[in-house]
PDB file of N, CA and C in Angstrom:
ATOM      1  N   MET A   1      92.978  77.011  91.607  1.00  0.00           N
ATOM      2  CA  MET A   1      93.908  77.669  92.509  1.00  0.00           C
ATOM      3  C   MET A   1      94.010  79.164  92.193  1.00  0.00           C
ATOM      4  N   LYS A   2      94.046  79.485  90.892  1.00  0.00           N
ATOM      5  CA  LYS A   2      94.185  80.889  90.514  1.00  0.00           C
ATOM      6  C   LYS A   2      92.964  81.702  90.937  1.00  0.00           C
ATOM      7  N   ALA A   3      91.788  81.121  90.759  1.00  0.00           N
ATOM      8  CA  ALA A   3      90.561  81.815  91.159  1.00  0.00           C
ATOM      9  C   ALA A   3      90.532  82.010  92.669  1.00  0.00           C
ATOM     10  N   THR A   4      90.983  81.019  93.401  1.00  0.00           N
ATOM     11  CA  THR A   4      91.041  81.138  94.860  1.00  0.00           C
ATOM     12  C   THR A   4      91.980  82.253  95.270  1.00  0.00           C
ATOM     13  N   ASN A   5      93.120  82.348  94.583  1.00  0.00           N
ATOM     14  CA  ASN A   5      94.071  83.407  94.921  1.00  0.00           C
ATOM     15  C   ASN A   5      93.491  84.788  94.632  1.00  0.00           C
ATOM     16  N   LEU A   6      92.708  84.916  93.568  1.00  0.00           N
ATOM     17  CA  LEU A   6      92.049  86.203  93.314  1.00  0.00           C
ATOM     18  C   LEU A   6      91.121  86.574  94.467  1.00  0.00           C
ATOM     19  N   GLY A   7      90.423  85.589  94.996  1.00  0.00           N
ATOM     20  CA  GLY A   7      89.579  85.843  96.164  1.00  0.00           C
ATOM     21  C   GLY A   7      90.391  86.248  97.377  1.00  0.00           C
ATOM     22  N   VAL A   8      91.514  85.585  97.575  1.00  0.00           N
ATOM     23  CA  VAL A   8      92.389  85.929  98.703  1.00  0.00           C
ATOM     24  C   VAL A   8      92.940  87.347  98.526  1.00  0.00           C
ATOM     25  N   LEU A   9      93.308  87.709  97.305  1.00  0.00           N
ATOM     26  CA  LEU A   9      93.800  89.067  97.053  1.00  0.00           C
ATOM     27  C   LEU A   9      92.753  90.107  97.448  1.00  0.00           C
ATOM     28  N   PHE A  10      91.508  89.852  97.093  1.00  0.00           N
ATOM     29  CA  PHE A  10      90.430  90.764  97.467  1.00  0.00           C
ATOM     30  C   PHE A  10      90.266  90.817  98.987  1.00  0.00           C
ATOM     31  N   LEU A  11      90.313  89.663  99.620  1.00  0.00           N
ATOM     32  CA  LEU A  11      90.139  89.618 101.073  1.00  0.00           C
ATOM     33  C   LEU A  11      91.274  90.316 101.820  1.00  0.00           C
ATOM     34  N   ILE A  12      92.508  90.238 101.306  1.00  0.00           N
ATOM     35  CA  ILE A  12      93.584  90.941 102.013  1.00  0.00           C
ATOM     36  C   ILE A  12      93.500  92.451 101.798  1.00  0.00           C
ATOM     37  N   GLU A  13      92.911  92.870 100.682  1.00  0.00           N
ATOM     38  CA  GLU A  13      92.652  94.299 100.513  1.00  0.00           C
ATOM     39  C   GLU A  13      91.668  94.775 101.591  1.00  0.00           C
ATOM     40  N   LEU A  14      90.608  94.009 101.778  1.00  0.00           N
ATOM     41  CA  LEU A  14      89.640  94.341 102.827  1.00  0.00           C
ATOM     42  C   LEU A  14      90.269  94.199 104.216  1.00  0.00           C
ATOM     43  N   GLY A  15      91.162  93.226 104.358  1.00  0.00           N
ATOM     44  CA  GLY A  15      91.856  93.024 105.628  1.00  0.00           C
ATOM     45  C   GLY A  15      92.697  94.213 106.033  1.00  0.00           C
ATOM     46  N   ALA A  16      93.336  94.838 105.056  1.00  0.00           N
ATOM     47  CA  ALA A  16      94.130  96.043 105.360  1.00  0.00           C
ATOM     48  C   ALA A  16      93.228  97.163 105.869  1.00  0.00           C
ATOM     49  N   LEU A  17      92.059  97.306 105.254  1.00  0.00           N
ATOM     50  CA  LEU A  17      91.107  98.320 105.716  1.00  0.00           C
ATOM     51  C   LEU A  17      90.621  98.016 107.126  1.00  0.00           C
ATOM     52  N   ALA A  18      90.287  96.756 107.368  1.00  0.00           N
ATOM     53  CA  ALA A  18      89.825  96.363 108.701  1.00  0.00           C
ATOM     54  C   ALA A  18      90.920  96.570 109.742  1.00  0.00           C
ATOM     55  N   ALA A  19      92.155  96.301 109.375  1.00  0.00           N
ATOM     56  CA  ALA A  19      93.271  96.439 110.310  1.00  0.00           C
ATOM     57  C   ALA A  19      93.474  97.891 110.733  1.00  0.00           C
ATOM     58  N   VAL A  20      93.432  98.813 109.775  1.00  0.00           N
ATOM     59  CA  VAL A  20      93.632 100.219 110.164  1.00  0.00           C
ATOM     60  C   VAL A  20      92.423 100.742 110.934  1.00  0.00           C
ATOM     61  N   GLY A  21      91.233 100.232 110.611  1.00  0.00           N
ATOM     62  CA  GLY A  21      90.059 100.601 111.400  1.00  0.00           C
ATOM     63  C   GLY A  21      90.158 100.083 112.827  1.00  0.00           C
ATOM     64  N   TYR A  22      90.602  98.857 112.974  1.00  0.00           N
ATOM     65  CA  TYR A  22      90.801  98.270 114.303  1.00  0.00           C
ATOM     66  C   TYR A  22      91.811  99.091 115.096  1.00  0.00           C
ATOM     67  N   TRP A  23      92.906  99.450 114.430  1.00  0.00           N
ATOM     68  CA  TRP A  23      93.908 100.281 115.093  1.00  0.00           C
ATOM     69  C   TRP A  23      93.272 101.588 115.580  1.00  0.00           C
ATOM     70  N   GLY A  24      92.499 102.230 114.733  1.00  0.00           N
ATOM     71  CA  GLY A  24      91.895 103.505 115.099  1.00  0.00           C
ATOM     72  C   GLY A  24      90.947 103.398 116.272  1.00  0.00           C
ATOM     73  N   PHE A  25      90.152 102.344 116.298  1.00  0.00           N
ATOM     74  CA  PHE A  25      89.181 102.189 117.376  1.00  0.00           C
ATOM     75  C   PHE A  25      89.795 101.685 118.680  1.00  0.00           C
ATOM     76  N   THR A  26      91.042 101.229 118.637  1.00  0.00           N
ATOM     77  CA  THR A  26      91.693 100.762 119.863  1.00  0.00           C
ATOM     78  C   THR A  26      92.628 101.806 120.470  1.00  0.00           C
ATOM     79  N   ARG A  27      92.657 103.001 119.928  1.00  0.00           N
ATOM     80  CA  ARG A  27      93.492 104.062 120.489  1.00  0.00           C
ATOM     81  C   ARG A  27      92.906 104.511 121.825  1.00  0.00           C
ATOM     82  N   ALA A  28      93.787 104.783 122.765  1.00  0.00           N
ATOM     83  CA  ALA A  28      93.361 105.247 124.091  1.00  0.00           C
ATOM     84  C   ALA A  28      93.307 106.774 124.085  1.00  0.00           C
ATOM     85  N   VAL A  29      92.341 107.300 123.342  1.00  0.00           N
ATOM     86  CA  VAL A  29      92.148 108.741 123.243  1.00  0.00           C
ATOM     87  C   VAL A  29      90.678 109.041 123.496  1.00  0.00           C
ATOM     88  N   ALA A  30      90.343 110.313 123.493  1.00  0.00           N
ATOM     89  CA  ALA A  30      88.950 110.709 123.702  1.00  0.00           C
ATOM     90  C   ALA A  30      88.058 110.081 122.625  1.00  0.00           C
ATOM     91  N   THR A  31      86.820 109.814 122.976  1.00  0.00           N
ATOM     92  CA  THR A  31      85.886 109.123 122.080  1.00  0.00           C
ATOM     93  C   THR A  31      85.778 109.749 120.689  1.00  0.00           C
ATOM     94  N   PRO A  32      85.666 111.081 120.570  1.00  0.00           N
ATOM     95  CA  PRO A  32      85.580 111.641 119.217  1.00  0.00           C
ATOM     96  C   PRO A  32      86.822 111.328 118.369  1.00  0.00           C
ATOM     97  N   LEU A  33      87.987 111.328 118.991  1.00  0.00           N
ATOM     98  CA  LEU A  33      89.203 110.998 118.254  1.00  0.00           C
ATOM     99  C   LEU A  33      89.257 109.520 117.887  1.00  0.00           C
ATOM    100  N   THR A  34      88.737 108.678 118.752  1.00  0.00           N
ATOM    101  CA  THR A  34      88.670 107.255 118.438  1.00  0.00           C
ATOM    102  C   THR A  34      87.845 107.038 117.174  1.00  0.00           C
ATOM    103  N   TRP A  35      86.707 107.696 117.100  1.00  0.00           N
ATOM    104  CA  TRP A  35      85.865 107.583 115.914  1.00  0.00           C
ATOM    105  C   TRP A  35      86.556 108.176 114.689  1.00  0.00           C
ATOM    106  N   LEU A  36      87.244 109.284 114.875  1.00  0.00           N
ATOM    107  CA  LEU A  36      87.967 109.902 113.758  1.00  0.00           C
ATOM    108  C   LEU A  36      89.046 108.957 113.227  1.00  0.00           C
ATOM    109  N   PHE A  37      89.832 108.373 114.122  1.00  0.00           N
ATOM    110  CA  PHE A  37      90.876 107.434 113.702  1.00  0.00           C
ATOM    111  C   PHE A  37      90.275 106.155 113.129  1.00  0.00           C
ATOM    112  N   GLY A  38      89.256 105.638 113.795  1.00  0.00           N
ATOM    113  CA  GLY A  38      88.660 104.375 113.378  1.00  0.00           C
ATOM    114  C   GLY A  38      87.978 104.430 112.023  1.00  0.00           C
ATOM    115  N   LEU A  39      87.402 105.553 111.684  1.00  0.00           N
ATOM    116  CA  LEU A  39      86.754 105.708 110.383  1.00  0.00           C
ATOM    117  C   LEU A  39      87.629 106.452 109.381  1.00  0.00           C
ATOM    118  N   GLY A  40      88.457 107.354 109.887  1.00  0.00           N
ATOM    119  CA  GLY A  40      89.300 108.168 109.005  1.00  0.00           C
ATOM    120  C   GLY A  40      90.450 107.408 108.370  1.00  0.00           C
ATOM    121  N   ALA A  41      91.092 106.530 109.133  1.00  0.00           N
ATOM    122  CA  ALA A  41      92.231 105.786 108.585  1.00  0.00           C
ATOM    123  C   ALA A  41      91.807 104.893 107.418  1.00  0.00           C
ATOM    124  N   PRO A  42      90.722 104.118 107.557  1.00  0.00           N
ATOM    125  CA  PRO A  42      90.285 103.343 106.386  1.00  0.00           C
ATOM    126  C   PRO A  42      89.844 104.243 105.221  1.00  0.00           C
ATOM    127  N   ALA A  43      89.252 105.383 105.529  1.00  0.00           N
ATOM    128  CA  ALA A  43      88.820 106.290 104.469  1.00  0.00           C
ATOM    129  C   ALA A  43      90.014 106.785 103.655  1.00  0.00           C
ATOM    130  N   VAL A  44      91.107 107.078 104.338  1.00  0.00           N
ATOM    131  CA  VAL A  44      92.325 107.507 103.633  1.00  0.00           C
ATOM    132  C   VAL A  44      92.818 106.391 102.721  1.00  0.00           C
ATOM    133  N   LEU A  45      92.842 105.161 103.223  1.00  0.00           N
ATOM    134  CA  LEU A  45      93.287 104.041 102.397  1.00  0.00           C
ATOM    135  C   LEU A  45      92.347 103.805 101.215  1.00  0.00           C
ATOM    136  N   ILE A  46      91.060 103.979 101.424  1.00  0.00           N
ATOM    137  CA  ILE A  46      90.092 103.807 100.327  1.00  0.00           C
ATOM    138  C   ILE A  46      90.350 104.822  99.226  1.00  0.00           C
ATOM    139  N   VAL A  47      90.593 106.065  99.608  1.00  0.00           N
ATOM    140  CA  VAL A  47      90.872 107.101  98.615  1.00  0.00           C
ATOM    141  C   VAL A  47      92.154 106.778  97.855  1.00  0.00           C
ATOM    142  N   LEU A  48      93.191 106.368  98.579  1.00  0.00           N
ATOM    143  CA  LEU A  48      94.447 106.016  97.912  1.00  0.00           C
ATOM    144  C   LEU A  48      94.259 104.842  96.956  1.00  0.00           C
ATOM    145  N   TRP A  49      93.513 103.825  97.397  1.00  0.00           N
ATOM    146  CA  TRP A  49      93.290 102.663  96.543  1.00  0.00           C
ATOM    147  C   TRP A  49      92.485 103.045  95.302  1.00  0.00           C
ATOM    148  N   SER A  50      91.479 103.875  95.484  1.00  0.00           N
ATOM    149  CA  SER A  50      90.652 104.256  94.336  1.00  0.00           C
ATOM    150  C   SER A  50      91.428 105.108  93.339  1.00  0.00           C
ATOM    151  N   CYS A  51      92.394 105.874  93.816  1.00  0.00           N
ATOM    152  CA  CYS A  51      93.190 106.721  92.918  1.00  0.00           C
ATOM    153  C   CYS A  51      94.343 105.973  92.254  1.00  0.00           C
ATOM    154  N   PHE A  52      94.956 105.027  92.967  1.00  0.00           N
ATOM    155  CA  PHE A  52      96.191 104.424  92.472  1.00  0.00           C
ATOM    156  C   PHE A  52      96.180 102.899  92.363  1.00  0.00           C
ATOM    157  N   GLY A  53      95.327 102.212  93.105  1.00  0.00           N
ATOM    158  CA  GLY A  53      95.438 100.768  93.178  1.00  0.00           C
ATOM    159  C   GLY A  53      94.381  99.964  92.474  1.00  0.00           C
ATOM    160  N   SER A  54      93.192 100.511  92.315  1.00  0.00           N
ATOM    161  CA  SER A  54      92.099  99.723  91.753  1.00  0.00           C
ATOM    162  C   SER A  54      92.283  99.532  90.246  1.00  0.00           C
ATOM    163  N   PRO A  55      91.645  98.513  89.690  1.00  0.00           N
ATOM    164  CA  PRO A  55      91.747  98.292  88.244  1.00  0.00           C
ATOM    165  C   PRO A  55      91.234  99.469  87.406  1.00  0.00           C
ATOM    166  N   LYS A  56      90.304 100.245  87.966  1.00  0.00           N
ATOM    167  CA  LYS A  56      89.763 101.399  87.240  1.00  0.00           C
ATOM    168  C   LYS A  56      90.322 102.726  87.761  1.00  0.00           C
ATOM    169  N   ALA A  57      91.488 102.692  88.383  1.00  0.00           N
ATOM    170  CA  ALA A  57      92.084 103.897  88.964  1.00  0.00           C
ATOM    171  C   ALA A  57      92.446 104.905  87.879  1.00  0.00           C
ATOM    172  N   PRO A  58      92.215 106.188  88.136  1.00  0.00           N
ATOM    173  CA  PRO A  58      92.580 107.198  87.141  1.00  0.00           C
ATOM    174  C   PRO A  58      94.103 107.359  86.997  1.00  0.00           C
ATOM    175  N   TYR A  59      94.842 107.042  88.024  1.00  0.00           N
ATOM    176  CA  TYR A  59      96.300 107.141  87.995  1.00  0.00           C
ATOM    177  C   TYR A  59      96.873 105.745  88.237  1.00  0.00           C
ATOM    178  N   LYS A  60      96.914 104.939  87.209  1.00  0.00           N
ATOM    179  CA  LYS A  60      97.368 103.552  87.355  1.00  0.00           C
ATOM    180  C   LYS A  60      98.856 103.509  87.684  1.00  0.00           C
ATOM    181  N   THR A  61      99.199 102.599  88.565  1.00  0.00           N
ATOM    182  CA  THR A  61     100.597 102.398  88.920  1.00  0.00           C
ATOM    183  C   THR A  61     101.066 101.090  88.289  1.00  0.00           C
ATOM    184  N   ARG A  62     102.308 101.094  87.839  1.00  0.00           N
ATOM    185  CA  ARG A  62     102.877  99.911  87.201  1.00  0.00           C
ATOM    186  C   ARG A  62     104.317  99.725  87.667  1.00  0.00           C
ATOM    187  N   GLY A  63     104.790  98.513  87.524  1.00  0.00           N
ATOM    188  CA  GLY A  63     106.192  98.225  87.805  1.00  0.00           C
ATOM    189  C   GLY A  63     106.586  98.472  89.245  1.00  0.00           C
ATOM    190  N   ALA A  64     107.718  99.131  89.413  1.00  0.00           N
ATOM    191  CA  ALA A  64     108.264  99.369  90.746  1.00  0.00           C
ATOM    192  C   ALA A  64     107.365 100.285  91.566  1.00  0.00           C
ATOM    193  N   VAL A  65     106.700 101.219  90.921  1.00  0.00           N
ATOM    194  CA  VAL A  65     105.796 102.121  91.646  1.00  0.00           C
ATOM    195  C   VAL A  65     104.625 101.325  92.215  1.00  0.00           C
ATOM    196  N   ARG A  66     104.131 100.372  91.447  1.00  0.00           N
ATOM    197  CA  ARG A  66     103.026  99.530  91.917  1.00  0.00           C
ATOM    198  C   ARG A  66     103.470  98.678  93.107  1.00  0.00           C
ATOM    199  N   VAL A  67     104.664  98.116  93.009  1.00  0.00           N
ATOM    200  CA  VAL A  67     105.194  97.311  94.111  1.00  0.00           C
ATOM    201  C   VAL A  67     105.317  98.177  95.365  1.00  0.00           C
ATOM    202  N   GLY A  68     105.847  99.379  95.219  1.00  0.00           N
ATOM    203  CA  GLY A  68     105.972 100.284  96.361  1.00  0.00           C
ATOM    204  C   GLY A  68     104.633 100.660  96.947  1.00  0.00           C
ATOM    205  N   PHE A  69     103.654 100.931  96.076  1.00  0.00           N
ATOM    206  CA  PHE A  69     102.317 101.275  96.551  1.00  0.00           C
ATOM    207  C   PHE A  69     101.714 100.127  97.340  1.00  0.00           C
ATOM    208  N   GLU A  70     101.828  98.911  96.818  1.00  0.00           N
ATOM    209  CA  GLU A  70     101.249  97.762  97.517  1.00  0.00           C
ATOM    210  C   GLU A  70     101.997  97.450  98.811  1.00  0.00           C
ATOM    211  N   LEU A  71     103.300  97.673  98.820  1.00  0.00           N
ATOM    212  CA  LEU A  71     104.048  97.502 100.075  1.00  0.00           C
ATOM    213  C   LEU A  71     103.540  98.473 101.135  1.00  0.00           C
ATOM    214  N   LEU A  72     103.299  99.705 100.736  1.00  0.00           N
ATOM    215  CA  LEU A  72     102.764 100.691 101.683  1.00  0.00           C
ATOM    216  C   LEU A  72     101.346 100.337 102.111  1.00  0.00           C
ATOM    217  N   TRP A  73     100.514  99.922 101.144  1.00  0.00           N
ATOM    218  CA  TRP A  73      99.112  99.598 101.438  1.00  0.00           C
ATOM    219  C   TRP A  73      99.010  98.438 102.425  1.00  0.00           C
ATOM    220  N   PHE A  74      99.616  97.303 102.065  1.00  0.00           N
ATOM    221  CA  PHE A  74      99.522  96.125 102.925  1.00  0.00           C
ATOM    222  C   PHE A  74     100.397  96.272 104.159  1.00  0.00           C
ATOM    223  N   GLY A  75     101.492  97.010 104.030  1.00  0.00           N
ATOM    224  CA  GLY A  75     102.339  97.304 105.188  1.00  0.00           C
ATOM    225  C   GLY A  75     101.597  98.132 106.222  1.00  0.00           C
ATOM    226  N   ALA A  76     100.699  99.006 105.755  1.00  0.00           N
ATOM    227  CA  ALA A  76      99.884  99.788 106.686  1.00  0.00           C
ATOM    228  C   ALA A  76      98.989  98.869 107.508  1.00  0.00           C
ATOM    229  N   GLY A  77      98.453  97.845 106.880  1.00  0.00           N
ATOM    230  CA  GLY A  77      97.632  96.881 107.608  1.00  0.00           C
ATOM    231  C   GLY A  77      98.433  96.117 108.641  1.00  0.00           C
ATOM    232  N   VAL A  78      99.617  95.674 108.248  1.00  0.00           N
ATOM    233  CA  VAL A  78     100.494  94.943 109.169  1.00  0.00           C
ATOM    234  C   VAL A  78     100.912  95.850 110.319  1.00  0.00           C
ATOM    235  N   ALA A  79     101.334  97.073 109.997  1.00  0.00           N
ATOM    236  CA  ALA A  79     101.777  98.008 111.033  1.00  0.00           C
ATOM    237  C   ALA A  79     100.638  98.378 111.973  1.00  0.00           C
ATOM    238  N   ALA A  80      99.434  98.535 111.426  1.00  0.00           N
ATOM    239  CA  ALA A  80      98.281  98.887 112.256  1.00  0.00           C
ATOM    240  C   ALA A  80      97.965  97.776 113.249  1.00  0.00           C
ATOM    241  N   LEU A  81      97.982  96.538 112.783  1.00  0.00           N
ATOM    242  CA  LEU A  81      97.728  95.423 113.697  1.00  0.00           C
ATOM    243  C   LEU A  81      98.797  95.338 114.774  1.00  0.00           C
ATOM    244  N   SER A  82     100.028  95.531 114.372  1.00  0.00           N
ATOM    245  CA  SER A  82     101.129  95.493 115.340  1.00  0.00           C
ATOM    246  C   SER A  82     100.999  96.616 116.363  1.00  0.00           C
ATOM    247  N   ALA A  83     100.687  97.818 115.888  1.00  0.00           N
ATOM    248  CA  ALA A  83     100.541  98.966 116.789  1.00  0.00           C
ATOM    249  C   ALA A  83      99.350  98.807 117.726  1.00  0.00           C
ATOM    250  N   ALA A  84      98.343  98.053 117.289  1.00  0.00           N
ATOM    251  CA  ALA A  84      97.165  97.820 118.130  1.00  0.00           C
ATOM    252  C   ALA A  84      97.407  96.702 119.134  1.00  0.00           C
ATOM    253  N   GLY A  85      98.581  96.084 119.072  1.00  0.00           N
ATOM    254  CA  GLY A  85      98.914  95.029 120.020  1.00  0.00           C
ATOM    255  C   GLY A  85      98.598  93.628 119.539  1.00  0.00           C
ATOM    256  N   ALA A  86      98.136  93.493 118.311  1.00  0.00           N
ATOM    257  CA  ALA A  86      97.798  92.181 117.751  1.00  0.00           C
ATOM    258  C   ALA A  86      98.963  91.685 116.895  1.00  0.00           C
ATOM    259  N   VAL A  87     100.091  91.447 117.538  1.00  0.00           N
ATOM    260  CA  VAL A  87     101.318  91.104 116.815  1.00  0.00           C
ATOM    261  C   VAL A  87     101.178  89.767 116.089  1.00  0.00           C
ATOM    262  N   GLY A  88     100.569  88.798 116.706  1.00  0.00           N
ATOM    263  CA  GLY A  88     100.354  87.509 116.053  1.00  0.00           C
ATOM    264  C   GLY A  88      99.532  87.646 114.784  1.00  0.00           C
ATOM    265  N   TRP A  89      98.468  88.437 114.858  1.00  0.00           N
ATOM    266  CA  TRP A  89      97.642  88.680 113.681  1.00  0.00           C
ATOM    267  C   TRP A  89      98.419  89.449 112.620  1.00  0.00           C
ATOM    268  N   ALA A  90      99.272  90.367 113.056  1.00  0.00           N
ATOM    269  CA  ALA A  90     100.084  91.128 112.108  1.00  0.00           C
ATOM    270  C   ALA A  90     101.019  90.204 111.334  1.00  0.00           C
ATOM    271  N   VAL A  91     101.644  89.279 112.033  1.00  0.00           N
ATOM    272  CA  VAL A  91     102.548  88.326 111.374  1.00  0.00           C
ATOM    273  C   VAL A  91     101.769  87.437 110.414  1.00  0.00           C
ATOM    274  N   ALA A  92     100.627  86.939 110.852  1.00  0.00           N
ATOM    275  CA  ALA A  92      99.800  86.081 109.994  1.00  0.00           C
ATOM    276  C   ALA A  92      99.331  86.842 108.758  1.00  0.00           C
ATOM    277  N   PHE A  93      98.912  88.078 108.934  1.00  0.00           N
ATOM    278  CA  PHE A  93      98.466  88.896 107.805  1.00  0.00           C
ATOM    279  C   PHE A  93      99.610  89.129 106.830  1.00  0.00           C
ATOM    280  N   ALA A  94     100.792  89.412 107.359  1.00  0.00           N
ATOM    281  CA  ALA A  94     101.960  89.639 106.506  1.00  0.00           C
ATOM    282  C   ALA A  94     102.293  88.395 105.690  1.00  0.00           C
ATOM    283  N   VAL A  95     102.234  87.237 106.317  1.00  0.00           N
ATOM    284  CA  VAL A  95     102.544  85.984 105.610  1.00  0.00           C
ATOM    285  C   VAL A  95     101.532  85.735 104.497  1.00  0.00           C
ATOM    286  N   VAL A  96     100.254  85.919 104.789  1.00  0.00           N
ATOM    287  CA  VAL A  96      99.222  85.709 103.771  1.00  0.00           C
ATOM    288  C   VAL A  96      99.416  86.697 102.621  1.00  0.00           C
ATOM    289  N   CYS A  97      99.731  87.948 102.930  1.00  0.00           N
ATOM    290  CA  CYS A  97      99.965  88.950 101.886  1.00  0.00           C
ATOM    291  C   CYS A  97     101.138  88.558 101.000  1.00  0.00           C
ATOM    292  N   VAL A  98     102.239  88.173 101.596  1.00  0.00           N
ATOM    293  CA  VAL A  98     103.435  87.825 100.827  1.00  0.00           C
ATOM    294  C   VAL A  98     103.167  86.614  99.932  1.00  0.00           C
ATOM    295  N   VAL A  99     102.564  85.583 100.474  1.00  0.00           N
ATOM    296  CA  VAL A  99     102.301  84.372  99.689  1.00  0.00           C
ATOM    297  C   VAL A  99     101.325  84.669  98.557  1.00  0.00           C
ATOM    298  N   SER A 100     100.250  85.361  98.852  1.00  0.00           N
ATOM    299  CA  SER A 100      99.242  85.641  97.844  1.00  0.00           C
ATOM    300  C   SER A 100      99.789  86.554  96.749  1.00  0.00           C
ATOM    301  N   LYS A 101     100.517  87.579  97.114  1.00  0.00           N
ATOM    302  CA  LYS A 101     101.083  88.488  96.110  1.00  0.00           C
ATOM    303  C   LYS A 101     102.163  87.786  95.287  1.00  0.00           C
ATOM    304  N   ALA A 102     102.939  86.900  95.907  1.00  0.00           N
ATOM    305  CA  ALA A 102     103.953  86.148  95.160  1.00  0.00           C
ATOM    306  C   ALA A 102     103.279  85.239  94.125  1.00  0.00           C
ATOM    307  N   LEU A 103     102.210  84.563  94.536  1.00  0.00           N
ATOM    308  CA  LEU A 103     101.474  83.725  93.591  1.00  0.00           C
ATOM    309  C   LEU A 103     100.853  84.561  92.473  1.00  0.00           C
ATOM    310  N   ALA A 104     100.380  85.747  92.800  1.00  0.00           N
ATOM    311  CA  ALA A 104      99.797  86.627  91.789  1.00  0.00           C
ATOM    312  C   ALA A 104     100.848  87.026  90.752  1.00  0.00           C
ATOM    313  N   VAL A 105     102.059  87.258  91.191  1.00  0.00           N
ATOM    314  CA  VAL A 105     103.133  87.600  90.260  1.00  0.00           C
ATOM    315  C   VAL A 105     103.485  86.398  89.392  1.00  0.00           C
ATOM    316  N   ILE A 106     103.614  85.233  90.011  1.00  0.00           N
ATOM    317  CA  ILE A 106     103.962  84.015  89.268  1.00  0.00           C
ATOM    318  C   ILE A 106     102.888  83.699  88.233  1.00  0.00           C
ATOM    319  N   TRP A 107     101.607  83.846  88.627  1.00  0.00           N
ATOM    320  CA  TRP A 107     100.494  83.518  87.746  1.00  0.00           C
ATOM    321  C   TRP A 107     100.035  84.704  86.886  1.00  0.00           C
ATOM    322  N   ARG A 108     100.735  85.817  86.999  1.00  0.00           N
ATOM    323  CA  ARG A 108     100.411  87.045  86.228  1.00  0.00           C
ATOM    324  C   ARG A 108      98.955  87.479  86.405  1.00  0.00           C
ATOM    325  N   GLN A 109      98.576  87.588  87.675  1.00  0.00           N
ATOM    326  CA  GLN A 109      97.196  88.001  87.986  1.00  0.00           C
ATOM    327  C   GLN A 109      97.142  89.495  88.223  1.00  0.00           C
TER     328      GLN A 109
END
């Protein structure tokens, strides 16, 4: 079960990236801006994750700061899906994030 949850944690990290990319590509703006949003939003999240969230991050976050960072990270995925009109997917993503992160805390992952 613990190994499965580690896989789910990785998949929801990728899910947040996919969600903000989906949001960017579904904007009703000129094509160049669609590409900018669709590729730029995930790029911003990747930079933030590499600086603060990854196991090898140069600026490791711990405790309440880590909780806040992850709320913003996964919340961005939920908000992006909701803003793109995929409210059902946003709710499902939020539930999976909450359950998986709660299990990670309980199991000290």
